[in-house]
Amino acid sequence: MDLAAKLPDMTDSALDTLNGNASRLIQSGTTAQKKAATALMPALEQELATRRLAKQAAKKASDAARPTPVRKRAKAKAAD
């Protein structure tokens, strides 16, 4: 099983770390590391985008389910 197939099972933290490592290797790795990181990036970016959209949708749903707060009116000051 290659690393791209494991992406859906990884935690968000692990994906962020992998993304940073792959970006770094593309810039300064050996030829083999650059090749592997470059091959992994499209799947990694797709997984990150999918999760980002899922989080946004969950937040929208959560916000929509939350009732709008009703503010109480301030009491009128007594006239002297």
PDB file of N, CA and C in Angstrom:
ATOM      1  N   MET A   1       0.847  -1.171   0.000  1.00  0.00           N
ATOM      2  CA  MET A   1       0.000   0.000   0.000  1.00  0.00           C
ATOM      3  C   MET A   1       0.897   1.240   0.000  1.00  0.00           C
ATOM      4  N   ASP A   2       0.667   2.135  -0.934  1.00  0.00           N
ATOM      5  CA  ASP A   2       1.483   3.343  -0.994  1.00  0.00           C
ATOM      6  C   ASP A   2       0.931   4.409  -0.044  1.00  0.00           C
ATOM      7  N   LEU A   3       1.682   5.435   0.147  1.00  0.00           N
ATOM      8  CA  LEU A   3       1.337   6.477   1.111  1.00  0.00           C
ATOM      9  C   LEU A   3       0.068   7.221   0.707  1.00  0.00           C
ATOM     10  N   ALA A   4      -0.165   7.427  -0.566  1.00  0.00           N
ATOM     11  CA  ALA A   4      -1.356   8.137  -1.028  1.00  0.00           C
ATOM     12  C   ALA A   4      -2.629   7.410  -0.616  1.00  0.00           C
ATOM     13  N   ALA A   5      -2.591   6.095  -0.573  1.00  0.00           N
ATOM     14  CA  ALA A   5      -3.766   5.316  -0.176  1.00  0.00           C
ATOM     15  C   ALA A   5      -4.056   5.450   1.317  1.00  0.00           C
ATOM     16  N   LYS A   6      -3.058   5.832   2.101  1.00  0.00           N
ATOM     17  CA  LYS A   6      -3.227   5.974   3.545  1.00  0.00           C
ATOM     18  C   LYS A   6      -3.733   7.356   3.957  1.00  0.00           C
ATOM     19  N   LEU A   7      -3.742   8.301   3.046  1.00  0.00           N
ATOM     20  CA  LEU A   7      -4.110   9.683   3.375  1.00  0.00           C
ATOM     21  C   LEU A   7      -5.483   9.812   4.032  1.00  0.00           C
ATOM     22  N   PRO A   8      -6.527   9.137   3.554  1.00  0.00           N
ATOM     23  CA  PRO A   8      -7.840   9.309   4.186  1.00  0.00           C
ATOM     24  C   PRO A   8      -7.889   8.855   5.644  1.00  0.00           C
ATOM     25  N   ASP A   9      -7.003   7.951   6.025  1.00  0.00           N
ATOM     26  CA  ASP A   9      -6.996   7.450   7.401  1.00  0.00           C
ATOM     27  C   ASP A   9      -6.128   8.282   8.335  1.00  0.00           C
ATOM     28  N   MET A  10      -5.384   9.231   7.800  1.00  0.00           N
ATOM     29  CA  MET A  10      -4.475  10.021   8.621  1.00  0.00           C
ATOM     30  C   MET A  10      -5.224  11.141   9.344  1.00  0.00           C
ATOM     31  N   THR A  11      -4.679  11.556  10.482  1.00  0.00           N
ATOM     32  CA  THR A  11      -5.260  12.672  11.219  1.00  0.00           C
ATOM     33  C   THR A  11      -4.929  13.983  10.508  1.00  0.00           C
ATOM     34  N   ASP A  12      -5.652  15.032  10.855  1.00  0.00           N
ATOM     35  CA  ASP A  12      -5.377  16.341  10.261  1.00  0.00           C
ATOM     36  C   ASP A  12      -3.955  16.795  10.580  1.00  0.00           C
ATOM     37  N   SER A  13      -3.533  16.553  11.797  1.00  0.00           N
ATOM     38  CA  SER A  13      -2.185  16.931  12.219  1.00  0.00           C
ATOM     39  C   SER A  13      -1.134  16.186  11.402  1.00  0.00           C
ATOM     40  N   ALA A  14      -1.343  14.902  11.197  1.00  0.00           N
ATOM     41  CA  ALA A  14      -0.397  14.108  10.413  1.00  0.00           C
ATOM     42  C   ALA A  14      -0.358  14.577   8.959  1.00  0.00           C
ATOM     43  N   LEU A  15      -1.515  14.947   8.415  1.00  0.00           N
ATOM     44  CA  LEU A  15      -1.554  15.455   7.035  1.00  0.00           C
ATOM     45  C   LEU A  15      -0.806  16.779   6.919  1.00  0.00           C
ATOM     46  N   ASP A  16      -0.986  17.660   7.900  1.00  0.00           N
ATOM     47  CA  ASP A  16      -0.274  18.938   7.874  1.00  0.00           C
ATOM     48  C   ASP A  16       1.237  18.715   7.933  1.00  0.00           C
ATOM     49  N   THR A  17       1.657  17.790   8.784  1.00  0.00           N
ATOM     50  CA  THR A  17       3.081  17.481   8.900  1.00  0.00           C
ATOM     51  C   THR A  17       3.605  16.894   7.592  1.00  0.00           C
ATOM     52  N   LEU A  18       2.859  15.971   7.020  1.00  0.00           N
ATOM     53  CA  LEU A  18       3.269  15.358   5.758  1.00  0.00           C
ATOM     54  C   LEU A  18       3.346  16.400   4.647  1.00  0.00           C
ATOM     55  N   ASN A  19       2.397  17.319   4.616  1.00  0.00           N
ATOM     56  CA  ASN A  19       2.401  18.382   3.612  1.00  0.00           C
ATOM     57  C   ASN A  19       3.654  19.248   3.754  1.00  0.00           C
ATOM     58  N   GLY A  20       3.981  19.608   4.981  1.00  0.00           N
ATOM     59  CA  GLY A  20       5.198  20.395   5.210  1.00  0.00           C
ATOM     60  C   GLY A  20       6.448  19.648   4.802  1.00  0.00           C
ATOM     61  N   ASN A  21       6.505  18.378   5.155  1.00  0.00           N
ATOM     62  CA  ASN A  21       7.672  17.566   4.797  1.00  0.00           C
ATOM     63  C   ASN A  21       7.794  17.398   3.287  1.00  0.00           C
ATOM     64  N   ALA A  22       6.674  17.142   2.626  1.00  0.00           N
ATOM     65  CA  ALA A  22       6.715  16.964   1.167  1.00  0.00           C
ATOM     66  C   ALA A  22       7.141  18.264   0.483  1.00  0.00           C
ATOM     67  N   SER A  23       6.624  19.385   0.958  1.00  0.00           N
ATOM     68  CA  SER A  23       7.020  20.677   0.376  1.00  0.00           C
ATOM     69  C   SER A  23       8.514  20.924   0.566  1.00  0.00           C
ATOM     70  N   ARG A  24       9.012  20.595   1.749  1.00  0.00           N
ATOM     71  CA  ARG A  24      10.432  20.773   2.035  1.00  0.00           C
ATOM     72  C   ARG A  24      11.285  19.864   1.147  1.00  0.00           C
ATOM     73  N   LEU A  25      10.863  18.620   0.994  1.00  0.00           N
ATOM     74  CA  LEU A  25      11.629  17.677   0.171  1.00  0.00           C
ATOM     75  C   LEU A  25      11.643  18.078  -1.294  1.00  0.00           C
ATOM     76  N   ILE A  26      10.547  18.651  -1.765  1.00  0.00           N
ATOM     77  CA  ILE A  26      10.519  19.116  -3.158  1.00  0.00           C
ATOM     78  C   ILE A  26      11.577  20.191  -3.371  1.00  0.00           C
ATOM     79  N   GLN A  27      11.778  21.024  -2.354  1.00  0.00           N
ATOM     80  CA  GLN A  27      12.757  22.107  -2.458  1.00  0.00           C
ATOM     81  C   GLN A  27      14.201  21.641  -2.244  1.00  0.00           C
ATOM     82  N   SER A  28      14.395  20.738  -1.265  1.00  0.00           N
ATOM     83  CA  SER A  28      15.774  20.456  -0.884  1.00  0.00           C
ATOM     84  C   SER A  28      16.105  18.976  -0.699  1.00  0.00           C
ATOM     85  N   GLY A  29      15.275  18.097  -1.194  1.00  0.00           N
ATOM     86  CA  GLY A  29      15.557  16.668  -1.032  1.00  0.00           C
ATOM     87  C   GLY A  29      16.453  16.125  -2.132  1.00  0.00           C
ATOM     88  N   THR A  30      16.762  14.850  -1.992  1.00  0.00           N
ATOM     89  CA  THR A  30      17.527  14.176  -3.043  1.00  0.00           C
ATOM     90  C   THR A  30      16.612  14.018  -4.261  1.00  0.00           C
ATOM     91  N   THR A  31      17.173  13.555  -5.332  1.00  0.00           N
ATOM     92  CA  THR A  31      16.380  13.368  -6.555  1.00  0.00           C
ATOM     93  C   THR A  31      15.229  12.399  -6.313  1.00  0.00           C
ATOM     94  N   ALA A  32      15.491  11.313  -5.613  1.00  0.00           N
ATOM     95  CA  ALA A  32      14.447  10.327  -5.334  1.00  0.00           C
ATOM     96  C   ALA A  32      13.378  10.915  -4.406  1.00  0.00           C
ATOM     97  N   GLN A  33      13.799  11.685  -3.408  1.00  0.00           N
ATOM     98  CA  GLN A  33      12.849  12.308  -2.488  1.00  0.00           C
ATOM     99  C   GLN A  33      11.987  13.345  -3.208  1.00  0.00           C
ATOM    100  N   LYS A  34      12.605  14.132  -4.077  1.00  0.00           N
ATOM    101  CA  LYS A  34      11.860  15.126  -4.848  1.00  0.00           C
ATOM    102  C   LYS A  34      10.812  14.449  -5.725  1.00  0.00           C
ATOM    103  N   LYS A  35      11.208  13.352  -6.354  1.00  0.00           N
ATOM    104  CA  LYS A  35      10.298  12.621  -7.246  1.00  0.00           C
ATOM    105  C   LYS A  35       9.121  12.057  -6.450  1.00  0.00           C
ATOM    106  N   ALA A  36       9.400  11.448  -5.297  1.00  0.00           N
ATOM    107  CA  ALA A  36       8.340  10.859  -4.479  1.00  0.00           C
ATOM    108  C   ALA A  36       7.407  11.941  -3.918  1.00  0.00           C
ATOM    109  N   ALA A  37       7.985  13.029  -3.447  1.00  0.00           N
ATOM    110  CA  ALA A  37       7.177  14.113  -2.882  1.00  0.00           C
ATOM    111  C   ALA A  37       6.313  14.773  -3.958  1.00  0.00           C
ATOM    112  N   THR A  38       6.882  14.959  -5.132  1.00  0.00           N
ATOM    113  CA  THR A  38       6.128  15.558  -6.239  1.00  0.00           C
ATOM    114  C   THR A  38       4.970  14.656  -6.655  1.00  0.00           C
ATOM    115  N   ALA A  39       5.190  13.360  -6.641  1.00  0.00           N
ATOM    116  CA  ALA A  39       4.130  12.410  -7.007  1.00  0.00           C
ATOM    117  C   ALA A  39       3.019  12.390  -5.954  1.00  0.00           C
ATOM    118  N   LEU A  40       3.363  12.621  -4.700  1.00  0.00           N
ATOM    119  CA  LEU A  40       2.392  12.571  -3.611  1.00  0.00           C
ATOM    120  C   LEU A  40       1.566  13.849  -3.493  1.00  0.00           C
ATOM    121  N   MET A  41       2.114  14.984  -3.892  1.00  0.00           N
ATOM    122  CA  MET A  41       1.468  16.275  -3.657  1.00  0.00           C
ATOM    123  C   MET A  41       0.037  16.398  -4.189  1.00  0.00           C
ATOM    124  N   PRO A  42      -0.290  15.958  -5.406  1.00  0.00           N
ATOM    125  CA  PRO A  42      -1.676  16.114  -5.861  1.00  0.00           C
ATOM    126  C   PRO A  42      -2.687  15.402  -4.957  1.00  0.00           C
ATOM    127  N   ALA A  43      -2.380  14.186  -4.543  1.00  0.00           N
ATOM    128  CA  ALA A  43      -3.291  13.445  -3.667  1.00  0.00           C
ATOM    129  C   ALA A  43      -3.358  14.098  -2.295  1.00  0.00           C
ATOM    130  N   LEU A  44      -2.238  14.582  -1.812  1.00  0.00           N
ATOM    131  CA  LEU A  44      -2.183  15.236  -0.510  1.00  0.00           C
ATOM    132  C   LEU A  44      -2.980  16.539  -0.529  1.00  0.00           C
ATOM    133  N   GLU A  45      -2.799  17.340  -1.551  1.00  0.00           N
ATOM    134  CA  GLU A  45      -3.549  18.593  -1.673  1.00  0.00           C
ATOM    135  C   GLU A  45      -5.042  18.334  -1.813  1.00  0.00           C
ATOM    136  N   GLN A  46      -5.416  17.286  -2.539  1.00  0.00           N
ATOM    137  CA  GLN A  46      -6.823  16.936  -2.701  1.00  0.00           C
ATOM    138  C   GLN A  46      -7.441  16.545  -1.354  1.00  0.00           C
ATOM    139  N   GLU A  47      -6.737  15.744  -0.584  1.00  0.00           N
ATOM    140  CA  GLU A  47      -7.232  15.318   0.730  1.00  0.00           C
ATOM    141  C   GLU A  47      -7.374  16.513   1.670  1.00  0.00           C
ATOM    142  N   LEU A  48      -6.396  17.413   1.653  1.00  0.00           N
ATOM    143  CA  LEU A  48      -6.472  18.609   2.498  1.00  0.00           C
ATOM    144  C   LEU A  48      -7.657  19.486   2.088  1.00  0.00           C
ATOM    145  N   ALA A  49      -7.875  19.640   0.797  1.00  0.00           N
ATOM    146  CA  ALA A  49      -9.001  20.454   0.311  1.00  0.00           C
ATOM    147  C   ALA A  49     -10.339  19.817   0.675  1.00  0.00           C
ATOM    148  N   THR A  50     -10.424  18.502   0.553  1.00  0.00           N
ATOM    149  CA  THR A  50     -11.651  17.793   0.901  1.00  0.00           C
ATOM    150  C   THR A  50     -11.985  17.989   2.375  1.00  0.00           C
ATOM    151  N   ARG A  51     -10.979  17.882   3.214  1.00  0.00           N
ATOM    152  CA  ARG A  51     -11.210  18.062   4.657  1.00  0.00           C
ATOM    153  C   ARG A  51     -11.572  19.501   4.995  1.00  0.00           C
ATOM    154  N   ARG A  52     -10.936  20.441   4.321  1.00  0.00           N
ATOM    155  CA  ARG A  52     -11.239  21.853   4.546  1.00  0.00           C
ATOM    156  C   ARG A  52     -12.700  22.142   4.195  1.00  0.00           C
ATOM    157  N   LEU A  53     -13.162  21.613   3.066  1.00  0.00           N
ATOM    158  CA  LEU A  53     -14.560  21.805   2.663  1.00  0.00           C
ATOM    159  C   LEU A  53     -15.517  21.124   3.628  1.00  0.00           C
ATOM    160  N   ALA A  54     -15.160  19.947   4.110  1.00  0.00           N
ATOM    161  CA  ALA A  54     -16.006  19.235   5.062  1.00  0.00           C
ATOM    162  C   ALA A  54     -16.124  20.009   6.370  1.00  0.00           C
ATOM    163  N   LYS A  55     -15.032  20.617   6.815  1.00  0.00           N
ATOM    164  CA  LYS A  55     -15.070  21.422   8.033  1.00  0.00           C
ATOM    165  C   LYS A  55     -15.943  22.655   7.843  1.00  0.00           C
ATOM    166  N   GLN A  56     -15.838  23.287   6.668  1.00  0.00           N
ATOM    167  CA  GLN A  56     -16.652  24.468   6.391  1.00  0.00           C
ATOM    168  C   GLN A  56     -18.133  24.100   6.361  1.00  0.00           C
ATOM    169  N   ALA A  57     -18.462  22.973   5.753  1.00  0.00           N
ATOM    170  CA  ALA A  57     -19.860  22.533   5.687  1.00  0.00           C
ATOM    171  C   ALA A  57     -20.384  22.198   7.076  1.00  0.00           C
ATOM    172  N   ALA A  58     -19.561  21.563   7.898  1.00  0.00           N
ATOM    173  CA  ALA A  58     -19.981  21.228   9.262  1.00  0.00           C
ATOM    174  C   ALA A  58     -20.197  22.494  10.083  1.00  0.00           C
ATOM    175  N   LYS A  59     -19.347  23.492   9.891  1.00  0.00           N
ATOM    176  CA  LYS A  59     -19.501  24.747  10.619  1.00  0.00           C
ATOM    177  C   LYS A  59     -20.770  25.465  10.185  1.00  0.00           C
ATOM    178  N   LYS A  60     -21.055  25.460   8.880  1.00  0.00           N
ATOM    179  CA  LYS A  60     -22.290  26.085   8.385  1.00  0.00           C
ATOM    180  C   LYS A  60     -23.508  25.399   8.983  1.00  0.00           C
ATOM    181  N   ALA A  61     -23.490  24.080   8.998  1.00  0.00           N
ATOM    182  CA  ALA A  61     -24.609  23.323   9.547  1.00  0.00           C
ATOM    183  C   ALA A  61     -24.764  23.600  11.035  1.00  0.00           C
ATOM    184  N   SER A  62     -23.663  23.685  11.727  1.00  0.00           N
ATOM    185  CA  SER A  62     -23.692  23.973  13.163  1.00  0.00           C
ATOM    186  C   SER A  62     -24.231  25.379  13.424  1.00  0.00           C
ATOM    187  N   ASP A  63     -23.770  26.332  12.626  1.00  0.00           N
ATOM    188  CA  ASP A  63     -24.232  27.703  12.783  1.00  0.00           C
ATOM    189  C   ASP A  63     -25.718  27.832  12.449  1.00  0.00           C
ATOM    190  N   ALA A  64     -26.173  27.096  11.442  1.00  0.00           N
ATOM    191  CA  ALA A  64     -27.582  27.151  11.050  1.00  0.00           C
ATOM    192  C   ALA A  64     -28.475  26.518  12.117  1.00  0.00           C
ATOM    193  N   ALA A  65     -27.953  25.508  12.813  1.00  0.00           N
ATOM    194  CA  ALA A  65     -28.738  24.827  13.835  1.00  0.00           C
ATOM    195  C   ALA A  65     -28.818  25.634  15.127  1.00  0.00           C
ATOM    196  N   ARG A  66     -27.901  26.550  15.319  1.00  0.00           N
ATOM    197  CA  ARG A  66     -27.870  27.357  16.529  1.00  0.00           C
ATOM    198  C   ARG A  66     -28.907  28.475  16.397  1.00  0.00           C
ATOM    199  N   PRO A  67     -29.798  28.610  17.387  1.00  0.00           N
ATOM    200  CA  PRO A  67     -30.795  29.674  17.294  1.00  0.00           C
ATOM    201  C   PRO A  67     -30.143  31.050  17.416  1.00  0.00           C
ATOM    202  N   THR A  68     -30.755  32.013  16.762  1.00  0.00           N
ATOM    203  CA  THR A  68     -30.261  33.377  16.827  1.00  0.00           C
ATOM    204  C   THR A  68     -30.565  33.934  18.210  1.00  0.00           C
ATOM    205  N   PRO A  69     -29.574  34.497  18.874  1.00  0.00           N
ATOM    206  CA  PRO A  69     -29.838  35.022  20.213  1.00  0.00           C
ATOM    207  C   PRO A  69     -30.758  36.235  20.155  1.00  0.00           C
ATOM    208  N   VAL A  70     -31.622  36.322  21.135  1.00  0.00           N
ATOM    209  CA  VAL A  70     -32.551  37.447  21.214  1.00  0.00           C
ATOM    210  C   VAL A  70     -32.038  38.367  22.308  1.00  0.00           C
ATOM    211  N   ARG A  71     -31.828  39.605  21.951  1.00  0.00           N
ATOM    212  CA  ARG A  71     -31.334  40.564  22.934  1.00  0.00           C
ATOM    213  C   ARG A  71     -32.500  41.201  23.663  1.00  0.00           C
ATOM    214  N   LYS A  72     -32.330  41.345  24.943  1.00  0.00           N
ATOM    215  CA  LYS A  72     -33.361  41.994  25.746  1.00  0.00           C
ATOM    216  C   LYS A  72     -33.204  43.503  25.608  1.00  0.00           C
ATOM    217  N   ARG A  73     -34.317  44.179  25.676  1.00  0.00           N
ATOM    218  CA  ARG A  73     -34.271  45.627  25.584  1.00  0.00           C
ATOM    219  C   ARG A  73     -33.794  46.196  26.910  1.00  0.00           C
ATOM    220  N   ALA A  74     -33.081  47.275  26.819  1.00  0.00           N
ATOM    221  CA  ALA A  74     -32.620  47.944  28.035  1.00  0.00           C
ATOM    222  C   ALA A  74     -33.807  48.641  28.685  1.00  0.00           C
ATOM    223  N   LYS A  75     -33.811  48.632  29.997  1.00  0.00           N
ATOM    224  CA  LYS A  75     -34.897  49.306  30.711  1.00  0.00           C
ATOM    225  C   LYS A  75     -34.757  50.800  30.519  1.00  0.00           C
ATOM    226  N   ALA A  76     -35.878  51.451  30.375  1.00  0.00           N
ATOM    227  CA  ALA A  76     -35.868  52.908  30.211  1.00  0.00           C
ATOM    228  C   ALA A  76     -35.486  53.554  31.533  1.00  0.00           C
ATOM    229  N   LYS A  77     -34.685  54.582  31.454  1.00  0.00           N
ATOM    230  CA  LYS A  77     -34.280  55.286  32.653  1.00  0.00           C
ATOM    231  C   LYS A  77     -35.447  56.127  33.157  1.00  0.00           C
ATOM    232  N   ALA A  78     -35.579  56.197  34.461  1.00  0.00           N
ATOM    233  CA  ALA A  78     -36.658  56.981  35.060  1.00  0.00           C
ATOM    234  C   ALA A  78     -36.375  58.456  34.872  1.00  0.00           C
ATOM    235  N   ALA A  79     -37.381  59.202  34.469  1.00  0.00           N
ATOM    236  CA  ALA A  79     -37.214  60.639  34.267  1.00  0.00           C
ATOM    237  C   ALA A  79     -37.250  61.340  35.621  1.00  0.00           C
ATOM    238  N   ASP A  80     -36.342  62.227  35.868  1.00  0.00           N
ATOM    239  CA  ASP A  80     -36.291  62.962  37.132  1.00  0.00           C
ATOM    240  C   ASP A  80     -37.153  64.160  37.125  1.00  0.00           C
TER     241      ASP A  80
END
